[in-house]
């Protein structure tokens, strides 16, 4: 086995772990997968499935409280408000 690092391959011990099933949401016509990070209460990753490949964002709640669907939808809308409709990316 080679000890040379491979670009794009994250070692197993550094991979992000998730708990429970992902929540699939459509907000304003855009599709997202929301996953709760295991061992990190209140930490969520939002994958923008209908946006640019690999694009998304993370959110952490204060005090590690769980997010409800309404809070998830609000976080997605806040994110989408930052995206330039012409480019599909967050404006500089």
Protein backbone atom coordinates (compact mmCIF):
# COMPACT_ATOMS: atom_id res chain seq x y z
CA UNK A 1 0.00 0.00 0.00
CA UNK A 2 1.32 3.41 -0.96
CA UNK A 3 1.81 6.10 1.68
CA UNK A 4 1.55 8.84 -0.95
CA UNK A 5 -1.57 10.97 -0.37
CA UNK A 6 -4.25 10.82 -3.07
CA UNK A 7 -5.87 14.15 -3.98
CA UNK A 8 -9.56 14.24 -3.09
CA UNK A 9 -9.43 11.21 -0.78
CA UNK A 10 -10.10 12.00 2.87
CA UNK A 11 -8.65 9.53 5.38
CA UNK A 12 -11.34 7.53 7.17
CA UNK A 13 -10.60 9.06 10.58
CA UNK A 14 -11.11 12.60 9.19
CA UNK A 15 -14.39 11.97 7.36
CA UNK A 16 -17.49 13.77 8.58
CA UNK A 17 -20.01 11.41 10.14
CA UNK A 18 -23.76 11.98 10.09
CA UNK A 19 -26.54 10.74 12.32
CA UNK A 20 -30.02 9.71 11.32
CA UNK A 21 -31.57 9.97 7.89
CA UNK A 22 -31.06 13.09 5.79
CA UNK A 23 -33.94 15.52 5.34
CA UNK A 24 -34.75 16.25 1.69
CA UNK A 25 -36.22 19.73 1.14
CA UNK A 26 -37.34 21.83 -1.79
CA UNK A 27 -37.33 25.57 -1.09
CA UNK A 28 -38.19 28.11 -3.78
CA UNK A 29 -37.69 25.42 -6.44
CA UNK A 30 -34.21 24.47 -5.21
CA UNK A 31 -33.43 21.01 -3.79
CA UNK A 32 -31.37 20.43 -0.65
CA UNK A 33 -30.26 17.50 1.50
CA UNK A 34 -29.86 18.40 5.19
CA UNK A 35 -27.76 16.16 7.43
CA UNK A 36 -27.04 16.39 11.16
CA UNK A 37 -23.40 15.87 12.11
CA UNK A 38 -22.80 12.99 14.50
CA UNK A 39 -21.21 14.01 17.78
CA UNK A 40 -21.76 17.72 17.05
CA UNK A 41 -25.14 18.70 18.52
CA UNK A 42 -26.81 21.49 16.54
CA UNK A 43 -24.41 21.20 13.55
CA UNK A 44 -25.97 20.65 10.11
CA UNK A 45 -24.69 20.41 6.55
CA UNK A 46 -26.93 21.60 3.70
CA UNK A 47 -26.07 20.15 0.27
CA UNK A 48 -27.52 22.16 -2.64
CA UNK A 49 -28.52 19.31 -4.95
CA UNK A 50 -29.91 21.49 -7.76
CA UNK A 51 -27.09 24.06 -7.58
CA UNK A 52 -23.45 23.99 -8.66
CA UNK A 53 -21.77 20.63 -8.02
CA UNK A 54 -20.50 20.35 -4.47
CA UNK A 55 -22.04 23.63 -3.34
CA UNK A 56 -23.72 23.98 0.03
CA UNK A 57 -23.28 25.38 3.52
CA UNK A 58 -23.17 24.47 7.18
CA UNK A 59 -25.10 25.83 10.13
CA UNK A 60 -24.55 25.53 13.85
CA UNK A 61 -27.30 26.37 16.32
CA UNK A 62 -26.67 28.18 19.56
CA UNK A 63 -26.49 25.83 22.50
CA UNK A 64 -26.53 22.78 20.22
CA UNK A 65 -30.32 22.74 19.91
CA UNK A 66 -31.95 20.73 17.14
CA UNK A 67 -33.29 22.54 14.07
CA UNK A 68 -36.89 22.10 13.03
CA UNK A 69 -38.09 22.18 9.42
CA UNK A 70 -39.06 25.85 9.70
CA UNK A 71 -35.55 26.79 10.86
CA UNK A 72 -34.01 24.68 8.08
CA UNK A 73 -36.18 26.40 5.47
CA UNK A 74 -35.20 29.81 6.85
CA UNK A 75 -31.48 28.89 6.71
CA UNK A 76 -31.90 27.80 3.08
CA UNK A 77 -33.69 31.03 2.15
CA UNK A 78 -30.97 33.08 3.85
CA UNK A 79 -28.37 31.16 1.85
CA UNK A 80 -30.23 31.53 -1.46
CA UNK A 81 -30.57 35.29 -0.87
CA UNK A 82 -26.76 35.52 -1.06
CA UNK A 83 -26.51 33.68 -4.40
CA UNK A 84 -26.08 35.72 -7.57
CA UNK A 85 -28.84 34.50 -9.93
CA UNK A 86 -26.63 35.19 -12.96
CA UNK A 87 -23.72 33.01 -11.81
CA UNK A 88 -25.31 30.62 -9.32
CA UNK A 89 -22.58 31.41 -6.80
CA UNK A 90 -22.36 33.64 -3.73
CA UNK A 91 -21.42 37.17 -4.70
CA UNK A 92 -18.06 38.54 -3.56
